[in-house]
Amino acid sequence: MKRKTGAAFPGGRAPGRGSCFLRCGYAYDPAVGDPDNSAAPGTPWDQVPESWVCPVCGMGKDVFEKE
């Protein structure tokens, strides 16, 4: 499965990321954030609200692995 990555770190790893390896491969990129879901650009993974869900598959933050 190919992992999706944010534009600021294509194919690479950025500090403070979290990845949904169990379901869709989405990688949260703190430089991009997820402004549509309560995570402004620049928000590190540790500060993303616990109520946040993956914008691709809808899984909760608890299934993500911190990178």
Protein backbone atom coordinates (compact mmCIF):
# COMPACT_ATOMS: atom_id res chain seq x y z
CA MET A 1 0.00 0.00 0.00
CA LYS A 2 1.42 3.39 -0.96
CA ARG A 3 1.31 5.93 1.85
CA LYS A 4 -0.10 9.36 1.17
CA THR A 5 2.15 12.19 2.28
CA GLY A 6 1.72 15.90 2.75
CA ALA A 7 3.03 18.32 0.14
CA ALA A 8 5.77 19.71 2.39
CA PHE A 9 7.42 16.32 2.87
CA PRO A 10 6.68 14.20 -0.21
CA GLY A 11 7.84 10.66 0.39
CA GLY A 12 9.72 11.72 3.52
CA ARG A 13 9.16 12.02 7.21
CA ALA A 14 8.57 15.19 9.17
CA PRO A 15 8.87 15.45 12.92
CA GLY A 16 5.56 15.30 14.73
CA ARG A 17 3.69 13.22 12.16
CA GLY A 18 1.23 10.43 12.66
CA SER A 19 0.38 7.74 10.13
CA CYS A 20 -2.67 5.55 9.60
CA PHE A 21 -0.85 2.32 8.77
CA LEU A 22 -3.77 0.09 9.78
CA ARG A 23 -6.26 1.38 7.26
CA CYS A 24 -5.46 3.86 4.50
CA GLY A 25 -1.83 4.98 4.77
CA TYR A 26 -2.66 8.67 5.28
CA ALA A 27 0.20 10.54 6.97
CA TYR A 28 -0.67 13.63 9.00
CA ASP A 29 1.80 16.37 8.10
CA PRO A 30 2.14 19.10 10.76
CA ALA A 31 3.28 21.65 8.16
CA VAL A 32 -0.02 21.20 6.31
CA GLY A 33 -2.23 20.25 9.27
CA ASP A 34 -5.87 19.43 8.62
CA PRO A 35 -7.65 22.80 8.87
CA ASP A 36 -10.99 21.28 7.87
CA ASN A 37 -10.82 19.07 10.99
CA SER A 38 -9.53 21.25 13.87
CA ALA A 39 -5.77 21.03 13.13
CA ALA A 40 -4.32 24.28 11.81
CA PRO A 41 -1.12 24.21 9.73
CA GLY A 42 1.85 23.99 12.08
CA THR A 43 0.03 21.82 14.65
CA PRO A 44 2.29 18.95 15.80
CA TRP A 45 0.72 15.51 16.11
CA ASP A 46 0.82 15.64 19.91
CA GLN A 47 -1.43 18.73 19.85
CA VAL A 48 -4.02 17.40 17.40
CA PRO A 49 -7.29 17.00 19.36
CA GLU A 50 -8.15 13.47 20.50
CA SER A 51 -11.50 13.87 18.72
CA TRP A 52 -9.74 14.27 15.34
CA VAL A 53 -10.42 11.60 12.70
CA CYS A 54 -8.55 10.68 9.53
CA PRO A 55 -9.86 12.76 6.60
CA VAL A 56 -9.43 9.76 4.27
CA CYS A 57 -10.83 6.76 6.16
CA GLY A 58 -12.49 8.26 9.25
CA MET A 59 -10.43 6.26 11.77
CA GLY A 60 -9.70 7.93 15.11
CA LYS A 61 -6.37 9.36 16.23
CA ASP A 62 -5.93 6.33 18.51
CA VAL A 63 -5.15 4.01 15.54
CA PHE A 64 -2.39 6.29 14.22
CA GLU A 65 1.27 5.59 14.88
CA LYS A 66 3.42 8.54 15.85
CA GLU A 67 6.45 8.93 13.61
